[in-house]
Amino acid sequence: MEDEKLRFDTDKRDQEIVYSKAIKAGKRIYYLDVKRNRKDELFLAITESKKKVSGEEAQVSFEKHKIFLYREDFEKFMTGLNDVMDYIGKSSEQGEDRNNPVPSRFEIDFG
């Protein structure tokens, strides 16, 4: 029984949010949650939450999608993100999406 309690406490700690930022974007909300894992290491949990209304009684629910990003992958992730942001920015300049300008780069030092 004690082992089960210890496992529950450890699992609960795995869900500890150290820092959080919510970004409202139209019908979606993006949550950037810094969490601590069992090894006391920080990681990023990115959640997209989208409100859904269904049925005749207008039942409200939320559709959620999550990705987890670990510290050792931050630099590669940012390189890839900047690459696709550059592509979208260039496409916008060429008239493909002029109504939605995109920042050209994210500069973050993970040192």
C-alpha atoms as a PDB file:
ATOM      1  CA  MET A   1       0.000   0.000   0.000  1.00  0.00           C
ATOM      2  CA  GLU A   2       2.851   2.382   0.841  1.00  0.00           C
ATOM      3  CA  ASP A   3       4.453   1.704  -2.568  1.00  0.00           C
ATOM      4  CA  GLU A   4       1.178   2.623  -4.286  1.00  0.00           C
ATOM      5  CA  LYS A   5       0.996   5.906  -2.345  1.00  0.00           C
ATOM      6  CA  LEU A   6       4.626   6.668  -3.226  1.00  0.00           C
ATOM      7  CA  ARG A   7       3.941   5.954  -6.906  1.00  0.00           C
ATOM      8  CA  PHE A   8       0.851   8.203  -6.805  1.00  0.00           C
ATOM      9  CA  ASP A   9       2.851  11.028  -5.172  1.00  0.00           C
ATOM     10  CA  THR A  10       5.592  10.642  -7.790  1.00  0.00           C
ATOM     11  CA  ASP A  11       3.064  10.671 -10.639  1.00  0.00           C
ATOM     12  CA  LYS A  12       1.408  13.736  -9.123  1.00  0.00           C
ATOM     13  CA  ARG A  13       4.763  15.497  -8.929  1.00  0.00           C
ATOM     14  CA  ASP A  14       5.313  14.708 -12.620  1.00  0.00           C
ATOM     15  CA  GLN A  15       2.342  16.991 -13.278  1.00  0.00           C
ATOM     16  CA  GLU A  16       3.720  19.923 -11.257  1.00  0.00           C
ATOM     17  CA  ILE A  17       3.549  23.164 -13.228  1.00  0.00           C
ATOM     18  CA  VAL A  18       6.484  25.411 -12.374  1.00  0.00           C
ATOM     19  CA  TYR A  19       5.587  28.248 -14.760  1.00  0.00           C
ATOM     20  CA  SER A  20       2.731  28.765 -17.197  1.00  0.00           C
ATOM     21  CA  LYS A  21       1.774  31.150 -19.990  1.00  0.00           C
ATOM     22  CA  ALA A  22      -1.622  31.163 -21.733  1.00  0.00           C
ATOM     23  CA  ILE A  23      -1.934  32.608 -25.229  1.00  0.00           C
ATOM     24  CA  LYS A  24      -5.457  33.368 -26.437  1.00  0.00           C
ATOM     25  CA  ALA A  25      -5.749  33.173 -30.216  1.00  0.00           C
ATOM     26  CA  GLY A  26      -9.285  33.326 -31.561  1.00  0.00           C
ATOM     27  CA  LYS A  27     -11.136  30.091 -30.764  1.00  0.00           C
ATOM     28  CA  ARG A  28      -7.966  28.506 -29.438  1.00  0.00           C
ATOM     29  CA  ILE A  29      -5.912  28.891 -26.310  1.00  0.00           C
ATOM     30  CA  TYR A  30      -2.307  27.725 -26.229  1.00  0.00           C
ATOM     31  CA  TYR A  31      -0.806  26.829 -22.874  1.00  0.00           C
ATOM     32  CA  LEU A  32       2.951  26.796 -22.446  1.00  0.00           C
ATOM     33  CA  ASP A  33       3.584  24.939 -19.202  1.00  0.00           C
ATOM     34  CA  VAL A  34       7.018  24.396 -17.718  1.00  0.00           C
ATOM     35  CA  LYS A  35       6.865  21.193 -15.704  1.00  0.00           C
ATOM     36  CA  ARG A  36       9.254  19.148 -13.609  1.00  0.00           C
ATOM     37  CA  ASN A  37       9.692  15.420 -14.261  1.00  0.00           C
ATOM     38  CA  ARG A  38      10.512  12.656 -11.785  1.00  0.00           C
ATOM     39  CA  LYS A  39      14.229  13.340 -12.190  1.00  0.00           C
ATOM     40  CA  ASP A  40      13.640  16.989 -11.206  1.00  0.00           C
ATOM     41  CA  GLU A  41      14.363  18.134 -14.795  1.00  0.00           C
ATOM     42  CA  LEU A  42      12.329  20.874 -16.467  1.00  0.00           C
ATOM     43  CA  PHE A  43      10.456  20.319 -19.721  1.00  0.00           C
ATOM     44  CA  LEU A  44       7.875  22.198 -21.771  1.00  0.00           C
ATOM     45  CA  ALA A  45       4.324  20.949 -22.295  1.00  0.00           C
ATOM     46  CA  ILE A  46       2.528  22.783 -25.105  1.00  0.00           C
ATOM     47  CA  THR A  47      -1.249  22.353 -25.143  1.00  0.00           C
ATOM     48  CA  GLU A  48      -3.687  23.576 -27.760  1.00  0.00           C
ATOM     49  CA  SER A  49      -7.223  23.816 -26.383  1.00  0.00           C
ATOM     50  CA  LYS A  50     -10.116  24.433 -28.753  1.00  0.00           C
ATOM     51  CA  LYS A  51     -13.698  24.950 -27.642  1.00  0.00           C
ATOM     52  CA  LYS A  52     -16.227  22.656 -29.314  1.00  0.00           C
ATOM     53  CA  VAL A  53     -20.001  23.069 -29.202  1.00  0.00           C
ATOM     54  CA  SER A  54     -22.050  20.070 -30.314  1.00  0.00           C
ATOM     55  CA  GLY A  55     -25.569  18.726 -30.324  1.00  0.00           C
ATOM     56  CA  GLU A  56     -28.925  20.381 -30.076  1.00  0.00           C
ATOM     57  CA  GLU A  57     -28.365  21.197 -26.420  1.00  0.00           C
ATOM     58  CA  ALA A  58     -25.151  23.030 -27.297  1.00  0.00           C
ATOM     59  CA  GLN A  59     -22.917  20.913 -25.111  1.00  0.00           C
ATOM     60  CA  VAL A  60     -19.516  22.526 -24.654  1.00  0.00           C
ATOM     61  CA  SER A  61     -16.339  20.486 -24.585  1.00  0.00           C
ATOM     62  CA  PHE A  62     -12.691  21.175 -25.215  1.00  0.00           C
ATOM     63  CA  GLU A  63     -10.518  19.362 -27.716  1.00  0.00           C
ATOM     64  CA  LYS A  64      -6.922  19.262 -26.502  1.00  0.00           C
ATOM     65  CA  HIS A  65      -3.660  18.369 -28.187  1.00  0.00           C
ATOM     66  CA  LYS A  66      -0.336  18.201 -26.359  1.00  0.00           C
ATOM     67  CA  ILE A  67       3.319  17.948 -27.205  1.00  0.00           C
ATOM     68  CA  PHE A  68       6.173  17.620 -24.779  1.00  0.00           C
ATOM     69  CA  LEU A  69       9.481  19.283 -25.497  1.00  0.00           C
ATOM     70  CA  TYR A  70      12.564  18.349 -23.508  1.00  0.00           C
ATOM     71  CA  ARG A  71      15.505  20.632 -22.793  1.00  0.00           C
ATOM     72  CA  GLU A  72      17.945  18.636 -24.931  1.00  0.00           C
ATOM     73  CA  ASP A  73      15.674  19.254 -27.949  1.00  0.00           C
ATOM     74  CA  PHE A  74      15.023  23.010 -27.462  1.00  0.00           C
ATOM     75  CA  GLU A  75      17.739  24.199 -29.851  1.00  0.00           C
ATOM     76  CA  LYS A  76      16.763  21.780 -32.645  1.00  0.00           C
ATOM     77  CA  PHE A  77      13.098  22.639 -32.166  1.00  0.00           C
ATOM     78  CA  MET A  78      13.800  26.384 -32.374  1.00  0.00           C
ATOM     79  CA  THR A  79      15.943  25.875 -35.492  1.00  0.00           C
ATOM     80  CA  GLY A  80      13.082  24.011 -37.156  1.00  0.00           C
ATOM     81  CA  LEU A  81      10.499  26.537 -35.955  1.00  0.00           C
ATOM     82  CA  ASN A  82      12.561  29.443 -37.297  1.00  0.00           C
ATOM     83  CA  ASP A  83      12.962  27.621 -40.612  1.00  0.00           C
ATOM     84  CA  VAL A  84       9.215  27.194 -41.100  1.00  0.00           C
ATOM     85  CA  MET A  85       8.528  30.743 -39.858  1.00  0.00           C
ATOM     86  CA  ASP A  86      11.000  32.041 -42.456  1.00  0.00           C
ATOM     87  CA  TYR A  87       9.202  30.009 -45.140  1.00  0.00           C
ATOM     88  CA  ILE A  88       5.804  31.372 -44.097  1.00  0.00           C
ATOM     89  CA  GLY A  89       7.212  34.914 -43.926  1.00  0.00           C
ATOM     90  CA  LYS A  90       8.642  34.623 -47.450  1.00  0.00           C
ATOM     91  CA  SER A  91       5.375  33.163 -48.740  1.00  0.00           C
ATOM     92  CA  SER A  92       3.524  36.114 -47.167  1.00  0.00           C
ATOM     93  CA  GLU A  93       5.848  38.565 -48.911  1.00  0.00           C
ATOM     94  CA  GLN A  94       5.077  36.871 -52.206  1.00  0.00           C
ATOM     95  CA  GLY A  95       1.375  37.497 -51.724  1.00  0.00           C
ATOM     96  CA  GLU A  96       0.313  34.055 -50.555  1.00  0.00           C
ATOM     97  CA  ASP A  97      -0.861  35.253 -47.139  1.00  0.00           C
ATOM     98  CA  ARG A  98      -0.526  39.031 -46.838  1.00  0.00           C
ATOM     99  CA  ASN A  99      -3.298  39.334 -44.239  1.00  0.00           C
ATOM    100  CA  ASN A 100      -1.332  37.361 -41.644  1.00  0.00           C
ATOM    101  CA  PRO A 101       2.223  38.683 -41.245  1.00  0.00           C
ATOM    102  CA  VAL A 102       4.599  36.422 -39.347  1.00  0.00           C
ATOM    103  CA  PRO A 103       7.572  37.386 -37.176  1.00  0.00           C
ATOM    104  CA  SER A 104      10.749  36.629 -39.041  1.00  0.00           C
ATOM    105  CA  ARG A 105      12.725  34.947 -36.233  1.00  0.00           C
ATOM    106  CA  PHE A 106      12.692  33.865 -32.638  1.00  0.00           C
ATOM    107  CA  GLU A 107      15.918  34.537 -30.805  1.00  0.00           C
ATOM    108  CA  ILE A 108      16.273  32.503 -27.641  1.00  0.00           C
ATOM    109  CA  ASP A 109      19.461  31.602 -25.803  1.00  0.00           C
ATOM    110  CA  PHE A 110      19.180  28.195 -24.152  1.00  0.00           C
ATOM    111  CA  GLY A 111      22.722  28.409 -22.740  1.00  0.00           C
END
